[in-house]
Every structure is written in structure tokens, then in C-alpha cells.
Amino acid sequence: MAHLLDDPLPEGLYAPDEAAIIRFSRLSTKMEPIDNRTWADLTAHFDTRAIMEIVFIVGMDQVISRMHAALRTDLDGVTSDEIGDTCAVPMPQLAPEGSMS
């Protein structure tokens, strides 16, 4: 997880098909348009059915992540141990008690 947000991704760390999924996921999660390069990378490695599955899985993960953020669920012990104090994706910060933001 340490390099998921690196832009560009480190050379050779991910297989080309994995890198295409990561780039797509990052754009989708930030609700940015999927550019032609990202789409071309996906279609170079996956057929239409696989791309539909990738889009669905990424979207479902986003729904679940937003639910956890809204409900303020804690990370489980296994995940906390895995990421330690250096999570690649910043955790949402709670507003100070009594604050309206």
C-alpha cells in the first residue's frame, strides 16, 4: 500500500495490468474523469466484461469506504498492524467536539 498514491507509480513495482487498475481506481475514487490513456491501458489488458467487473468492484469499495467514514468505524487490528502509522491514504479527521464542520 505504501506506493499506491505515487504519481507516477514506481517502475516495475506493479505489473502493467495492476498499474492500469490502480490508475483507474485513483481517478475514480477522486471522482475525476477517466482519461483516454487510463482507458486505453485498461482495454489493453482486459476485455469488456473484466473492465465492467473492475468498475463495479472499485465503485463498491468506494461505497463501503464512504459508509465507514460516515459511521466512523475503527480499523481492525490486522489492518492497523499492516499499515502502522504510515497509511498511503490519509484517514479522515474528525471535527473538534462542538464544532459544526
C-alpha atoms as a PDB file:
ATOM      1  CA  MET A   1       0.000   0.000   0.000  1.00  0.00           C
ATOM      2  CA  ALA A   2       2.942   2.317   0.502  1.00  0.00           C
ATOM      3  CA  HIS A   3       3.169   3.361  -3.160  1.00  0.00           C
ATOM      4  CA  LEU A   4      -0.476   3.391  -4.258  1.00  0.00           C
ATOM      5  CA  LEU A   5      -0.601   7.182  -4.370  1.00  0.00           C
ATOM      6  CA  ASP A   6       2.812   7.692  -6.010  1.00  0.00           C
ATOM      7  CA  ASP A   7       2.422   9.521  -9.298  1.00  0.00           C
ATOM      8  CA  PRO A   8       3.832   8.139 -11.402  1.00  0.00           C
ATOM      9  CA  LEU A   9       3.829   4.660  -9.924  1.00  0.00           C
ATOM     10  CA  PRO A  10       7.324   3.266  -9.310  1.00  0.00           C
ATOM     11  CA  GLU A  11       8.652   1.405 -12.343  1.00  0.00           C
ATOM     12  CA  GLY A  12       8.476  -2.370 -12.050  1.00  0.00           C
ATOM     13  CA  LEU A  13       6.646  -2.430  -8.718  1.00  0.00           C
ATOM     14  CA  TYR A  14       3.329  -3.401 -10.311  1.00  0.00           C
ATOM     15  CA  ALA A  15       2.610  -5.476 -13.398  1.00  0.00           C
ATOM     16  CA  PRO A  16       1.190  -3.353 -16.239  1.00  0.00           C
ATOM     17  CA  ASP A  17      -2.349  -4.702 -15.723  1.00  0.00           C
ATOM     18  CA  GLU A  18      -2.164  -3.963 -11.981  1.00  0.00           C
ATOM     19  CA  ALA A  19      -0.882  -0.445 -12.657  1.00  0.00           C
ATOM     20  CA  ALA A  20      -3.806   0.170 -15.026  1.00  0.00           C
ATOM     21  CA  ILE A  21      -6.269  -0.819 -12.294  1.00  0.00           C
ATOM     22  CA  ILE A  22      -4.509   1.365  -9.717  1.00  0.00           C
ATOM     23  CA  ARG A  23      -4.521   4.414 -12.005  1.00  0.00           C
ATOM     24  CA  PHE A  24      -8.209   3.856 -12.818  1.00  0.00           C
ATOM     25  CA  SER A  25      -9.054   3.401  -9.131  1.00  0.00           C
ATOM     26  CA  ARG A  26      -7.280   6.599  -8.116  1.00  0.00           C
ATOM     27  CA  LEU A  27      -9.108   8.683 -10.719  1.00  0.00           C
ATOM     28  CA  SER A  28     -12.440   7.091  -9.945  1.00  0.00           C
ATOM     29  CA  THR A  29     -12.026   7.498  -6.182  1.00  0.00           C
ATOM     30  CA  LYS A  30     -11.272  11.198  -6.619  1.00  0.00           C
ATOM     31  CA  MET A  31     -14.291  11.364  -8.982  1.00  0.00           C
ATOM     32  CA  GLU A  32     -12.083  12.669 -11.796  1.00  0.00           C
ATOM     33  CA  PRO A  33     -12.806  11.883 -15.446  1.00  0.00           C
ATOM     34  CA  ILE A  34     -11.207   8.695 -16.716  1.00  0.00           C
ATOM     35  CA  ASP A  35      -8.745   9.977 -19.316  1.00  0.00           C
ATOM     36  CA  ASN A  36      -8.031   8.294 -22.649  1.00  0.00           C
ATOM     37  CA  ARG A  37      -4.648   6.926 -21.510  1.00  0.00           C
ATOM     38  CA  THR A  38      -6.156   5.222 -18.466  1.00  0.00           C
ATOM     39  CA  TRP A  39      -8.990   3.759 -20.520  1.00  0.00           C
ATOM     40  CA  ALA A  40      -6.533   2.583 -23.198  1.00  0.00           C
ATOM     41  CA  ASP A  41      -4.406   0.903 -20.515  1.00  0.00           C
ATOM     42  CA  LEU A  42      -7.458  -0.937 -19.194  1.00  0.00           C
ATOM     43  CA  THR A  43      -8.587  -2.064 -22.643  1.00  0.00           C
ATOM     44  CA  ALA A  44      -5.051  -3.225 -23.476  1.00  0.00           C
ATOM     45  CA  HIS A  45      -5.147  -5.698 -20.588  1.00  0.00           C
ATOM     46  CA  PHE A  46      -8.805  -6.541 -20.028  1.00  0.00           C
ATOM     47  CA  ASP A  47     -11.878  -7.393 -22.070  1.00  0.00           C
ATOM     48  CA  THR A  48     -15.195  -5.577 -21.651  1.00  0.00           C
ATOM     49  CA  ARG A  49     -16.519  -7.992 -19.030  1.00  0.00           C
ATOM     50  CA  ALA A  50     -13.369  -7.686 -16.884  1.00  0.00           C
ATOM     51  CA  ILE A  51     -13.468  -3.878 -17.136  1.00  0.00           C
ATOM     52  CA  MET A  52     -17.099  -3.911 -16.008  1.00  0.00           C
ATOM     53  CA  GLU A  53     -16.073  -6.037 -13.019  1.00  0.00           C
ATOM     54  CA  ILE A  54     -13.197  -3.662 -12.192  1.00  0.00           C
ATOM     55  CA  VAL A  55     -15.529  -0.643 -12.369  1.00  0.00           C
ATOM     56  CA  PHE A  56     -18.084  -2.406 -10.163  1.00  0.00           C
ATOM     57  CA  ILE A  57     -15.543  -3.547  -7.557  1.00  0.00           C
ATOM     58  CA  VAL A  58     -13.885  -0.114  -7.358  1.00  0.00           C
ATOM     59  CA  GLY A  59     -17.305   1.530  -7.049  1.00  0.00           C
ATOM     60  CA  MET A  60     -18.445  -0.863  -4.319  1.00  0.00           C
ATOM     61  CA  ASP A  61     -15.225  -0.265  -2.409  1.00  0.00           C
ATOM     62  CA  GLN A  62     -15.890   3.468  -2.593  1.00  0.00           C
ATOM     63  CA  VAL A  63     -19.423   2.983  -1.219  1.00  0.00           C
ATOM     64  CA  ILE A  64     -18.101   0.864   1.651  1.00  0.00           C
ATOM     65  CA  SER A  65     -15.302   3.343   2.391  1.00  0.00           C
ATOM     66  CA  ARG A  66     -17.739   6.252   2.499  1.00  0.00           C
ATOM     67  CA  MET A  67     -20.008   4.266   4.829  1.00  0.00           C
ATOM     68  CA  HIS A  68     -17.097   3.591   7.183  1.00  0.00           C
ATOM     69  CA  ALA A  69     -16.108   7.265   7.120  1.00  0.00           C
ATOM     70  CA  ALA A  70     -19.674   8.362   7.879  1.00  0.00           C
ATOM     71  CA  LEU A  71     -20.053   5.838  10.700  1.00  0.00           C
ATOM     72  CA  ARG A  72     -16.510   6.490  11.968  1.00  0.00           C
ATOM     73  CA  THR A  73     -15.661   2.826  12.241  1.00  0.00           C
ATOM     74  CA  ASP A  74     -12.219   1.956  13.578  1.00  0.00           C
ATOM     75  CA  LEU A  75      -9.716  -0.094  11.620  1.00  0.00           C
ATOM     76  CA  ASP A  76      -9.472  -3.714  12.634  1.00  0.00           C
ATOM     77  CA  GLY A  77      -6.298  -4.880  14.366  1.00  0.00           C
ATOM     78  CA  VAL A  78      -4.938  -6.741  11.346  1.00  0.00           C
ATOM     79  CA  THR A  79      -5.259  -3.676   9.111  1.00  0.00           C
ATOM     80  CA  SER A  80      -3.829  -1.369  11.776  1.00  0.00           C
ATOM     81  CA  ASP A  81      -0.848  -3.680  12.222  1.00  0.00           C
ATOM     82  CA  GLU A  82      -0.319  -3.858   8.445  1.00  0.00           C
ATOM     83  CA  ILE A  83      -0.317  -0.108   7.783  1.00  0.00           C
ATOM     84  CA  GLY A  84       1.115   1.067  11.096  1.00  0.00           C
ATOM     85  CA  ASP A  85       1.425   4.834  11.301  1.00  0.00           C
ATOM     86  CA  THR A  86       2.048   5.291   7.584  1.00  0.00           C
ATOM     87  CA  CYS A  87      -1.151   4.756   5.629  1.00  0.00           C
ATOM     88  CA  ALA A  88      -0.882   5.661   1.943  1.00  0.00           C
ATOM     89  CA  VAL A  89      -4.382   7.120   2.044  1.00  0.00           C
ATOM     90  CA  PRO A  90      -4.940   9.720   4.755  1.00  0.00           C
ATOM     91  CA  MET A  91      -7.640   8.864   7.274  1.00  0.00           C
ATOM     92  CA  PRO A  92     -10.457  11.419   7.560  1.00  0.00           C
ATOM     93  CA  GLN A  93     -10.061  13.728  10.517  1.00  0.00           C
ATOM     94  CA  LEU A  94     -12.948  14.270  12.909  1.00  0.00           C
ATOM     95  CA  ALA A  95     -14.127  17.804  13.551  1.00  0.00           C
ATOM     96  CA  PRO A  96     -13.361  19.069  17.074  1.00  0.00           C
ATOM     97  CA  GLU A  97     -16.082  18.370  19.624  1.00  0.00           C
ATOM     98  CA  GLY A  98     -18.786  21.045  19.496  1.00  0.00           C
ATOM     99  CA  SER A  99     -17.685  22.201  16.030  1.00  0.00           C
ATOM    100  CA  MET A 100     -20.203  22.465  13.204  1.00  0.00           C
ATOM    101  CA  SER A 101     -17.676  21.479  10.483  1.00  0.00           C
END
